[in-house]
Amino acid sequence: MRIEFIENIDDFKRLKTVWNTLFNQIDEVTIFQSFEFNYYSWLHLLHLNKNYLALCLIYKEEKLIGICPFYIDNRRRLRFINDKHSDICDIISYASIDIDFLIKEISCKFKINSFHLINLISHSKFFRNKSKKYSYVIDRCSAVYSDLDLNKGIFPDNFSDYKSKHKTEFRRILKKHESKLHILLNSKSDVFPLQDIYSLRKKMIDNGVRSNNFLSSDQVKLIEKLYIYGRLKISIVKNDHSIIAISFILYKKSNYLIWIDLYDDTKMINLYNYVSLISLLSRKNKININFGRGDYSYKISNFLPEKKNLSSFYIFMSKKYKFIFIAEKLILSFFAKIYNFLR
């Protein structure tokens, strides 16, 4: 096995064809592992903030078998690119990876304090081929996501676990908003609704639903690039001529992930957007709907998706950095409990 490191944005850009060729060979990867998501995340969100690019190309017998979309942050932590906004992180590889060799090569090449790899799914390469030489910490339930497999057919009748109360509620939501228009935008035929996005963002912040740092302009640039390059569709709801709800949908083949939602104060309008979207997508095809990272009660109670754990994988280059990490987690946990108590 041989590792090649990519450390500048020009070399990164030249990887597009080989990256997406590898990406398209692997069914279980998500759009968060695509070239477009990683390249434009680096370009718009990360590369000017004292971060250092540390992509790893993994070769076996001179054949590219894997790509690790890593960078090093300003605290010298090795991380996945844009892990903060990635619901699922992982290496892109169809073959077995020698994790110990990978860790050794990275730690020899770069001066790092630790590996902080978060939002890993249960079948990540890091868990299939555990390190035998390095001391690591695994948090098996650092976050959750939820998804739902739907047969081709008329929603909600195409999911057998729904009882009559669920079906009645879905039909009530559709009836309540029957005067609204649902549209699924795609870049081949529809303009990116930039001003509507900023308008709904402002309304959510003004209404206290989101904080001021929600959906930065740089993140909107990333979303627009994903839309242009066919990695993202936009589910919208219109009332008369105004867009009152938007959901950004990442997709690969028949797998759809509802990533970020925007909506005004119209009651149940986000649920209406979800129901309309799922009805449209599952009418002609069997699909998987991923409701994204987070334990949102309204998604779980209404749609009954299966909750699944996401894990975090940490390696520390010394006991000092492990101690700092544990201390920070305990302090943050303490203040979170105080905050929740005061609320």
Protein backbone atom coordinates (compact mmCIF):
# COMPACT_ATOMS: atom_id res chain seq x y z
CA MET A 1 0.00 0.00 0.00
CA ARG A 2 1.25 3.49 -0.88
CA ILE A 3 -0.03 6.91 0.23
CA GLU A 4 0.14 10.07 -1.88
CA PHE A 5 -0.63 13.36 -0.16
CA ILE A 6 -2.42 16.30 -1.76
CA GLU A 7 -1.68 19.60 0.01
CA ASN A 8 -2.78 22.40 -2.32
CA ILE A 9 -6.02 23.40 -3.96
CA ASP A 10 -4.73 23.21 -7.55
CA ASP A 11 -3.79 19.54 -7.18
CA PHE A 12 -7.10 19.00 -5.38
CA LYS A 13 -9.04 20.42 -8.34
CA ARG A 14 -7.25 18.08 -10.76
CA LEU A 15 -8.59 15.05 -8.86
CA LYS A 16 -12.18 15.53 -10.00
CA THR A 17 -12.31 12.74 -12.61
CA VAL A 18 -10.45 10.05 -10.65
CA TRP A 19 -12.27 11.00 -7.43
CA ASN A 20 -15.74 10.69 -8.94
CA THR A 21 -14.79 7.51 -10.82
CA LEU A 22 -13.93 5.91 -7.47
CA PHE A 23 -16.96 7.49 -5.78
CA ASN A 24 -19.36 6.08 -8.39
CA GLN A 25 -18.02 2.55 -7.87
CA ILE A 26 -19.12 2.43 -4.22
CA ASP A 27 -22.83 2.21 -3.37
CA GLU A 28 -22.55 2.92 0.35
CA VAL A 29 -20.89 6.33 0.16
CA THR A 30 -22.98 9.51 0.34
CA ILE A 31 -22.77 12.89 -1.35
CA PHE A 32 -20.69 14.05 1.61
CA GLN A 33 -17.90 11.91 0.12
CA SER A 34 -18.28 13.30 -3.41
CA PHE A 35 -15.61 15.46 -5.03
CA GLU A 36 -17.98 18.41 -5.33
CA PHE A 37 -18.93 18.45 -1.66
CA ASN A 38 -15.32 18.22 -0.48
CA TYR A 39 -13.69 20.52 -3.03
CA TYR A 40 -16.23 23.32 -2.71
CA SER A 41 -16.36 22.91 1.09
CA TRP A 42 -12.61 23.46 1.12
CA LEU A 43 -12.81 26.36 -1.35
CA HIS A 44 -15.66 28.25 0.32
CA LEU A 45 -15.51 27.28 4.00
CA LEU A 46 -12.09 26.10 5.09
CA HIS A 47 -9.02 27.03 3.07
CA LEU A 48 -8.59 30.62 4.35
CA ASN A 49 -8.93 29.85 8.07
CA LYS A 50 -5.43 28.62 9.02
CA ASN A 51 -6.40 25.10 8.01
CA TYR A 52 -4.11 22.77 6.06
CA LEU A 53 -5.20 20.42 3.29
CA ALA A 54 -4.16 16.79 3.89
CA LEU A 55 -5.89 14.59 1.31
CA CYS A 56 -4.63 11.00 1.24
CA LEU A 57 -4.73 8.95 -1.98
CA ILE A 58 -4.32 5.26 -1.22
CA TYR A 59 -2.77 3.00 -3.84
CA LYS A 60 -2.40 -0.76 -3.92
CA GLU A 61 -0.16 -2.14 -6.67
CA GLU A 62 -0.28 1.36 -8.24
CA LYS A 63 -4.08 1.27 -8.46
CA LEU A 64 -6.09 3.93 -6.64
CA ILE A 65 -8.26 2.12 -4.09
CA GLY A 66 -9.14 4.89 -1.65
CA ILE A 67 -9.31 8.59 -0.89
CA CYS A 68 -9.31 10.13 2.58
CA PRO A 69 -10.81 13.66 2.48
CA PHE A 70 -8.78 14.99 5.41
CA TYR A 71 -7.54 18.38 6.55
CA ILE A 72 -5.70 19.65 9.61
CA ASP A 73 -7.38 22.42 11.61
CA ASN A 74 -5.70 25.27 13.50
CA ARG A 75 -5.42 23.06 16.60
CA ARG A 76 -3.47 20.46 14.63
CA ARG A 77 -6.35 17.98 14.64
CA LEU A 78 -6.77 15.76 11.57
CA ARG A 79 -10.42 15.88 10.52
CA PHE A 80 -12.77 15.13 7.64
CA ILE A 81 -13.36 18.13 5.38
CA ASN A 82 -16.46 20.04 6.51
CA ASP A 83 -17.31 17.45 9.16
CA LYS A 84 -19.38 20.09 10.98
CA HIS A 85 -21.94 20.11 8.15
CA SER A 86 -21.52 16.50 6.97
CA ASP A 87 -24.21 14.22 8.32
CA ILE A 88 -22.10 11.14 7.47
CA CYS A 89 -18.30 11.07 7.15
CA ASP A 90 -16.02 8.30 5.88
CA ILE A 91 -13.13 7.25 3.68
CA ILE A 92 -13.94 6.55 0.03
CA SER A 93 -12.68 3.04 -0.66
CA TYR A 94 -13.89 -0.27 -2.04
CA ALA A 95 -10.97 -2.28 -0.62
CA SER A 96 -9.60 -3.15 2.80
CA ILE A 97 -7.36 -0.43 4.26
CA ASP A 98 -4.40 -0.97 6.60
CA ILE A 99 -5.41 1.60 9.19
CA ASP A 100 -2.13 1.36 11.13
CA PHE A 101 -0.10 2.04 7.99
CA LEU A 102 -2.35 4.99 7.14
CA ILE A 103 -1.99 6.49 10.63
CA LYS A 104 1.79 6.01 10.57
CA GLU A 105 2.20 7.68 7.17
CA ILE A 106 0.01 10.64 8.14
CA SER A 107 1.75 11.18 11.49
CA CYS A 108 5.16 11.04 9.78
CA LYS A 109 4.13 13.48 7.08
CA PHE A 110 2.30 16.07 9.19
CA LYS A 111 2.78 17.52 12.65
CA ILE A 112 -0.56 16.74 14.28
CA ASN A 113 -1.77 16.40 17.83
CA SER A 114 -4.69 14.05 17.24
CA PHE A 115 -7.12 12.45 14.83
CA HIS A 116 -10.72 13.67 15.29
CA LEU A 117 -12.92 11.66 12.93
CA ILE A 118 -16.62 12.17 13.64
CA ASN A 119 -20.00 11.12 12.20
CA LEU A 120 -18.78 7.69 11.12
CA ILE A 121 -21.32 5.03 10.19
CA SER A 122 -21.13 1.55 11.74
CA HIS A 123 -19.53 -0.07 8.67
CA SER A 124 -16.79 2.56 8.29
CA LYS A 125 -13.36 1.30 7.28
CA PHE A 126 -12.08 2.54 10.64
CA PHE A 127 -14.22 -0.07 12.41
CA ARG A 128 -13.75 -2.89 9.92
CA ASN A 129 -9.95 -2.67 10.26
CA LYS A 130 -9.23 -1.42 13.77
CA SER A 131 -5.81 -0.16 14.73
CA LYS A 132 -3.62 -2.70 16.52
CA LYS A 133 -0.71 -0.37 17.29
CA TYR A 134 -2.28 2.92 18.34
CA SER A 135 -4.30 3.85 21.40
CA TYR A 136 -7.68 5.14 20.28
CA VAL A 137 -11.01 6.20 21.74
CA ILE A 138 -14.32 5.34 20.08
CA ASP A 139 -17.58 7.03 21.01
CA ARG A 140 -20.16 4.62 19.62
CA CYS A 141 -23.11 6.98 20.00
CA SER A 142 -21.79 10.50 19.45
CA ALA A 143 -24.76 11.34 17.20
CA VAL A 144 -27.70 9.69 15.44
CA TYR A 145 -29.37 9.79 12.06
CA SER A 146 -32.55 8.17 10.81
CA ASP A 147 -33.70 6.73 7.51
CA LEU A 148 -36.66 5.05 5.90
CA ASP A 149 -36.95 2.51 3.07
CA LEU A 150 -40.06 2.98 0.96
CA ASN A 151 -41.48 0.73 -1.74
CA LYS A 152 -42.67 2.14 -5.03
CA GLY A 153 -46.26 3.25 -4.63
CA ILE A 154 -48.65 5.80 -3.19
CA PHE A 155 -47.42 7.36 0.05
CA PRO A 156 -48.22 6.61 2.89
CA ASP A 157 -49.67 3.26 1.79
CA ASN A 158 -46.23 2.13 0.54
CA PHE A 159 -44.86 1.75 4.08
CA SER A 160 -46.41 -1.14 6.01
CA ASP A 161 -45.52 0.12 9.51
CA TYR A 162 -47.85 3.10 9.30
CA LYS A 163 -51.04 2.68 11.29
CA SER A 164 -54.29 4.41 10.44
CA LYS A 165 -53.45 7.33 12.77
CA HIS A 166 -50.24 8.06 10.82
CA LYS A 167 -51.97 7.89 7.47
CA THR A 168 -54.78 10.11 8.72
CA GLU A 169 -52.28 12.69 9.95
CA PHE A 170 -50.43 12.77 6.61
CA ARG A 171 -53.69 13.27 4.73
CA ARG A 172 -54.71 16.00 7.18
CA ILE A 173 -51.43 17.84 6.49
CA LEU A 174 -51.94 17.58 2.74
CA LYS A 175 -55.56 18.76 3.07
CA LYS A 176 -54.56 21.71 5.26
CA HIS A 177 -52.15 22.97 2.60
CA GLU A 178 -53.95 21.89 -0.57
CA SER A 179 -53.87 25.47 -1.86
CA LYS A 180 -50.06 25.42 -1.78
CA LEU A 181 -47.83 24.28 -4.64
CA HIS A 182 -44.96 21.82 -4.12
CA ILE A 183 -42.12 21.77 -6.68
CA LEU A 184 -38.87 19.81 -6.81
CA LEU A 185 -36.27 22.05 -8.45
CA ASN A 186 -33.28 20.73 -10.40
CA SER A 187 -30.46 22.60 -12.07
CA LYS A 188 -31.29 21.40 -15.59
CA SER A 189 -34.51 23.37 -15.70
CA ASP A 190 -34.69 25.70 -12.71
CA VAL A 191 -32.74 28.74 -11.50
CA PHE A 192 -31.14 28.57 -8.05
CA PRO A 193 -33.54 30.49 -5.73
CA LEU A 194 -30.86 32.59 -4.02
CA GLN A 195 -32.99 35.52 -2.87
CA ASP A 196 -35.72 33.23 -1.51
CA ILE A 197 -33.11 31.33 0.49
CA TYR A 198 -31.81 34.53 2.10
CA SER A 199 -35.36 35.77 2.70
CA LEU A 200 -36.41 32.60 4.55
CA ARG A 201 -33.12 32.53 6.43
CA LYS A 202 -33.81 36.05 7.73
CA LYS A 203 -37.35 35.12 8.75
CA MET A 204 -36.13 32.10 10.73
CA ILE A 205 -33.51 34.19 12.52
CA ASP A 206 -35.99 37.03 13.20
CA ASN A 207 -38.50 34.48 14.56
CA GLY A 208 -35.87 33.05 16.92
CA VAL A 209 -35.97 29.63 15.23
CA ARG A 210 -32.28 29.81 14.25
CA SER A 211 -29.26 31.75 15.48
CA ASN A 212 -27.50 34.53 13.54
CA ASN A 213 -24.77 32.18 12.29
CA PHE A 214 -27.27 29.84 10.62
CA LEU A 215 -26.55 29.17 6.94
CA SER A 216 -23.67 31.53 6.22
CA SER A 217 -23.18 33.05 2.78
CA ASP A 218 -20.19 30.73 2.24
CA GLN A 219 -22.37 27.72 2.98
CA VAL A 220 -24.95 28.99 0.50
CA LYS A 221 -22.16 29.16 -2.10
CA LEU A 222 -21.40 25.48 -1.41
CA ILE A 223 -25.08 24.59 -1.74
CA GLU A 224 -25.32 26.46 -5.04
CA LYS A 225 -22.30 24.56 -6.41
CA LEU A 226 -23.84 21.23 -5.37
CA TYR A 227 -27.05 22.26 -7.13
CA ILE A 228 -25.27 23.33 -10.32
CA TYR A 229 -23.30 20.06 -10.50
CA GLY A 230 -26.35 17.86 -9.98
CA ARG A 231 -25.61 16.64 -6.45
CA LEU A 232 -28.54 18.46 -4.85
CA LYS A 233 -32.20 19.15 -5.58
CA ILE A 234 -34.40 21.72 -3.88
CA SER A 235 -37.85 20.92 -2.56
CA ILE A 236 -39.96 24.09 -2.31
CA VAL A 237 -43.45 25.07 -1.28
CA LYS A 238 -45.09 28.13 -2.84
CA ASN A 239 -48.05 30.12 -1.57
CA ASP A 240 -49.32 32.26 -4.45
CA HIS A 241 -46.01 33.58 -5.86
CA SER A 242 -43.93 33.36 -2.66
CA ILE A 243 -41.69 30.49 -1.57
CA ILE A 244 -42.52 29.69 2.06
CA ALA A 245 -40.51 26.48 2.59
CA ILE A 246 -37.26 25.11 1.19
CA SER A 247 -35.44 21.82 1.81
CA PHE A 248 -32.06 20.98 0.31
CA ILE A 249 -31.98 17.36 -0.85
CA LEU A 250 -28.69 15.56 -1.46
CA TYR A 251 -29.09 12.51 -3.65
CA LYS A 252 -27.25 9.59 -5.19
CA LYS A 253 -29.28 7.21 -7.36
CA SER A 254 -32.38 6.29 -5.29
CA ASN A 255 -30.96 7.53 -1.97
CA TYR A 256 -32.11 10.95 -0.79
CA LEU A 257 -30.96 12.91 2.25
CA ILE A 258 -32.93 15.86 3.59
CA TRP A 259 -30.07 18.12 4.62
CA ILE A 260 -31.16 21.65 5.57
CA ASP A 261 -34.65 23.15 5.95
CA LEU A 262 -35.90 26.72 5.72
CA TYR A 263 -39.50 27.78 6.33
CA ASP A 264 -41.68 30.65 7.50
CA ASP A 265 -44.14 30.59 10.42
CA THR A 266 -46.93 28.83 8.50
CA LYS A 267 -48.06 25.95 10.70
CA MET A 268 -46.84 22.48 9.66
CA ILE A 269 -45.39 23.81 6.41
CA ASN A 270 -42.09 21.94 6.82
CA LEU A 271 -43.99 18.67 7.35
CA TYR A 272 -46.07 19.41 4.26
CA ASN A 273 -42.85 19.87 2.29
CA TYR A 274 -41.57 16.51 3.56
CA VAL A 275 -44.80 14.63 2.83
CA SER A 276 -45.08 16.14 -0.65
CA LEU A 277 -41.43 15.36 -1.43
CA ILE A 278 -41.64 11.75 -0.24
CA SER A 279 -44.91 11.23 -2.13
CA LEU A 280 -43.34 12.53 -5.34
CA LEU A 281 -40.10 10.54 -5.08
CA SER A 282 -41.64 7.20 -4.09
CA ARG A 283 -44.50 7.27 -6.59
CA LYS A 284 -42.40 5.71 -9.38
CA ASN A 285 -39.39 4.22 -7.58
CA LYS A 286 -38.29 2.35 -4.49
CA ILE A 287 -36.29 4.86 -2.43
CA ASN A 288 -34.38 5.44 0.77
CA ILE A 289 -35.08 8.70 2.62
CA ASN A 290 -32.46 9.82 5.11
CA PHE A 291 -33.76 12.44 7.54
CA GLY A 292 -30.23 13.55 8.38
CA ARG A 293 -28.19 13.82 11.52
CA GLY A 294 -30.04 14.70 14.71
CA ASP A 295 -32.73 13.25 16.94
CA TYR A 296 -35.73 15.33 15.88
CA SER A 297 -38.88 14.12 17.60
CA TYR A 298 -41.27 15.44 14.94
CA LYS A 299 -39.45 13.47 12.22
CA ILE A 300 -39.34 10.28 14.31
CA SER A 301 -42.94 10.42 15.52
CA ASN A 302 -44.45 11.31 12.16
CA PHE A 303 -42.40 9.22 9.70
CA LEU A 304 -41.17 6.32 11.91
CA PRO A 305 -37.66 6.12 10.40
CA GLU A 306 -35.09 3.76 11.87
CA LYS A 307 -32.66 5.54 14.18
CA LYS A 308 -28.99 4.62 13.71
CA ASN A 309 -25.91 5.60 15.68
CA LEU A 310 -22.99 7.60 14.37
CA SER A 311 -19.60 7.13 15.98
CA SER A 312 -16.47 9.19 16.56
CA PHE A 313 -12.91 7.87 16.33
CA TYR A 314 -10.05 9.61 18.13
CA ILE A 315 -6.31 8.96 18.23
CA PHE A 316 -3.98 11.07 20.38
CA MET A 317 -0.30 11.52 19.68
CA SER A 318 0.44 11.89 23.41
CA LYS A 319 -1.26 11.53 26.80
CA LYS A 320 -1.29 15.32 27.08
CA TYR A 321 -3.66 15.75 24.12
CA LYS A 322 -5.87 12.92 25.35
CA PHE A 323 -6.13 14.62 28.75
CA ILE A 324 -7.00 17.98 27.14
CA PHE A 325 -9.69 16.30 25.00
CA ILE A 326 -11.33 14.54 27.97
CA ALA A 327 -11.17 17.69 30.10
CA GLU A 328 -12.82 19.77 27.37
CA LYS A 329 -15.61 17.23 26.95
CA LEU A 330 -16.31 17.19 30.71
CA ILE A 331 -16.36 21.01 30.88
CA LEU A 332 -18.68 21.31 27.87
CA SER A 333 -20.98 18.63 29.30
CA PHE A 334 -21.10 20.48 32.63
CA PHE A 335 -22.05 23.81 31.05
CA ALA A 336 -24.60 22.12 28.77
CA LYS A 337 -26.36 20.68 31.84
CA ILE A 338 -26.41 24.13 33.48
CA TYR A 339 -27.79 25.69 30.29
CA ASN A 340 -30.55 23.08 30.00
CA PHE A 341 -31.42 23.51 33.69
CA LEU A 342 -31.70 27.30 33.37
CA ARG A 343 -33.91 26.99 30.29
